[in-house]
Amino acid sequence: FKECSASEVTLRDVCPEVVGRLIDFAYTARITVGEKCVLHLLLAAMRFQMEDVAKACCDFLTKHLEPANVIGIARFAEEIGCSEL
């Protein structure tokens, strides 16, 4: 991986707020999941193989399932390969 020796790495398609939360998690092992960022956070967690973050996101989404959003969440989970949802 060329990133190992790079002084700077560009993360494409991940918003700075999500990266900040992932870095905070790496240092504290705690994550705050909210309605505003849960889908972006789950996508990034899946991409970077952060299983605990992905589980926290899935738990949040499961608790907030309702008839109006269940199909959209199921489609999103299928698109990103999240079998837990």
C-alpha atoms as a PDB file:
ATOM      1  CA  PHE A   1       0.000   0.000   0.000  1.00  0.00           C
ATOM      2  CA  LYS A   2       1.473   3.291  -1.048  1.00  0.00           C
ATOM      3  CA  GLU A   3      -0.541   5.025   1.683  1.00  0.00           C
ATOM      4  CA  CYS A   4       1.781   3.554   4.320  1.00  0.00           C
ATOM      5  CA  SER A   5       4.648   5.773   3.247  1.00  0.00           C
ATOM      6  CA  ALA A   6       2.579   8.808   2.250  1.00  0.00           C
ATOM      7  CA  SER A   7       2.535  11.867   4.463  1.00  0.00           C
ATOM      8  CA  GLU A   8      -1.015  12.618   3.334  1.00  0.00           C
ATOM      9  CA  VAL A   9      -3.861  10.356   2.254  1.00  0.00           C
ATOM     10  CA  THR A  10      -6.976  11.521   0.433  1.00  0.00           C
ATOM     11  CA  LEU A  11     -10.200   9.778   1.392  1.00  0.00           C
ATOM     12  CA  ARG A  12     -12.641  10.140  -1.457  1.00  0.00           C
ATOM     13  CA  ASP A  13     -16.405  10.081  -1.040  1.00  0.00           C
ATOM     14  CA  VAL A  14     -16.334  10.409   2.752  1.00  0.00           C
ATOM     15  CA  CYS A  15     -17.461  13.633   4.375  1.00  0.00           C
ATOM     16  CA  PRO A  16     -15.158  15.246   6.954  1.00  0.00           C
ATOM     17  CA  GLU A  17     -17.683  14.858   9.775  1.00  0.00           C
ATOM     18  CA  VAL A  18     -17.807  11.098   9.244  1.00  0.00           C
ATOM     19  CA  VAL A  19     -14.013  10.848   9.086  1.00  0.00           C
ATOM     20  CA  GLY A  20     -13.849  12.798  12.335  1.00  0.00           C
ATOM     21  CA  ARG A  21     -16.246  10.396  14.023  1.00  0.00           C
ATOM     22  CA  LEU A  22     -14.271   7.395  12.797  1.00  0.00           C
ATOM     23  CA  ILE A  23     -11.023   8.884  14.083  1.00  0.00           C
ATOM     24  CA  ASP A  24     -12.662   9.642  17.431  1.00  0.00           C
ATOM     25  CA  PHE A  25     -13.856   6.038  17.565  1.00  0.00           C
ATOM     26  CA  ALA A  26     -10.353   4.767  16.826  1.00  0.00           C
ATOM     27  CA  TYR A  27      -9.073   6.634  19.885  1.00  0.00           C
ATOM     28  CA  THR A  28     -11.997   6.238  22.286  1.00  0.00           C
ATOM     29  CA  ALA A  29     -13.898   3.110  21.170  1.00  0.00           C
ATOM     30  CA  ARG A  30     -17.081   5.205  21.429  1.00  0.00           C
ATOM     31  CA  ILE A  31     -19.296   6.376  18.596  1.00  0.00           C
ATOM     32  CA  THR A  32     -22.251   8.716  18.486  1.00  0.00           C
ATOM     33  CA  VAL A  33     -24.786   7.768  15.848  1.00  0.00           C
ATOM     34  CA  GLY A  34     -27.522  10.181  14.885  1.00  0.00           C
ATOM     35  CA  GLU A  35     -30.284  10.336  12.346  1.00  0.00           C
ATOM     36  CA  LYS A  36     -28.475  12.960  10.288  1.00  0.00           C
ATOM     37  CA  CYS A  37     -25.315  10.933   9.618  1.00  0.00           C
ATOM     38  CA  VAL A  38     -26.158   7.273  10.216  1.00  0.00           C
ATOM     39  CA  LEU A  39     -26.242   6.226   6.555  1.00  0.00           C
ATOM     40  CA  HIS A  40     -22.969   7.983   5.720  1.00  0.00           C
ATOM     41  CA  LEU A  41     -21.379   6.562   8.847  1.00  0.00           C
ATOM     42  CA  LEU A  42     -22.559   3.034   8.042  1.00  0.00           C
ATOM     43  CA  LEU A  43     -21.272   3.283   4.488  1.00  0.00           C
ATOM     44  CA  ALA A  44     -17.848   4.448   5.707  1.00  0.00           C
ATOM     45  CA  ALA A  45     -17.751   1.782   8.427  1.00  0.00           C
ATOM     46  CA  MET A  46     -18.433  -0.906   5.843  1.00  0.00           C
ATOM     47  CA  ARG A  47     -15.821   0.550   3.502  1.00  0.00           C
ATOM     48  CA  PHE A  48     -13.117   0.695   6.173  1.00  0.00           C
ATOM     49  CA  GLN A  49     -14.187  -2.571   7.849  1.00  0.00           C
ATOM     50  CA  MET A  50     -14.986  -0.982  11.198  1.00  0.00           C
ATOM     51  CA  GLU A  51     -17.355  -3.662  12.435  1.00  0.00           C
ATOM     52  CA  ASP A  52     -18.201  -2.074  15.789  1.00  0.00           C
ATOM     53  CA  VAL A  53     -19.185   1.185  14.110  1.00  0.00           C
ATOM     54  CA  ALA A  54     -21.243  -0.677  11.511  1.00  0.00           C
ATOM     55  CA  LYS A  55     -23.006  -2.591  14.285  1.00  0.00           C
ATOM     56  CA  ALA A  56     -23.779   0.626  16.165  1.00  0.00           C
ATOM     57  CA  CYS A  57     -25.258   2.086  12.976  1.00  0.00           C
ATOM     58  CA  CYS A  58     -27.314  -1.046  12.311  1.00  0.00           C
ATOM     59  CA  ASP A  59     -28.581  -1.043  15.891  1.00  0.00           C
ATOM     60  CA  PHE A  60     -29.596   2.609  15.526  1.00  0.00           C
ATOM     61  CA  LEU A  61     -31.402   1.950  12.247  1.00  0.00           C
ATOM     62  CA  THR A  62     -33.146  -1.124  13.651  1.00  0.00           C
ATOM     63  CA  LYS A  63     -34.448   0.885  16.600  1.00  0.00           C
ATOM     64  CA  HIS A  64     -35.754   3.560  14.247  1.00  0.00           C
ATOM     65  CA  LEU A  65     -37.444   1.320  11.682  1.00  0.00           C
ATOM     66  CA  GLU A  66     -40.981   2.273  10.819  1.00  0.00           C
ATOM     67  CA  PRO A  67     -43.292   1.570   7.889  1.00  0.00           C
ATOM     68  CA  ALA A  68     -42.293   4.795   6.145  1.00  0.00           C
ATOM     69  CA  ASN A  69     -38.556   3.994   6.005  1.00  0.00           C
ATOM     70  CA  VAL A  70     -38.204   0.210   6.099  1.00  0.00           C
ATOM     71  CA  ILE A  71     -38.027  -0.303   2.326  1.00  0.00           C
ATOM     72  CA  GLY A  72     -35.476   2.473   1.835  1.00  0.00           C
ATOM     73  CA  ILE A  73     -33.271   1.138   4.614  1.00  0.00           C
ATOM     74  CA  ALA A  74     -33.531  -2.408   3.258  1.00  0.00           C
ATOM     75  CA  ARG A  75     -32.509  -1.237  -0.217  1.00  0.00           C
ATOM     76  CA  PHE A  76     -29.599   0.768   1.172  1.00  0.00           C
ATOM     77  CA  ALA A  77     -28.400  -2.208   3.222  1.00  0.00           C
ATOM     78  CA  GLU A  78     -28.564  -4.437   0.162  1.00  0.00           C
ATOM     79  CA  GLU A  79     -26.652  -1.925  -1.976  1.00  0.00           C
ATOM     80  CA  ILE A  80     -23.753  -1.720   0.455  1.00  0.00           C
ATOM     81  CA  GLY A  81     -23.736  -5.414   1.320  1.00  0.00           C
ATOM     82  CA  CYS A  82     -24.828  -5.031   4.918  1.00  0.00           C
ATOM     83  CA  SER A  83     -26.448  -8.334   5.791  1.00  0.00           C
ATOM     84  CA  GLU A  84     -27.072  -7.373   9.419  1.00  0.00           C
ATOM     85  CA  LEU A  85     -30.009  -5.127   8.538  1.00  0.00           C
END
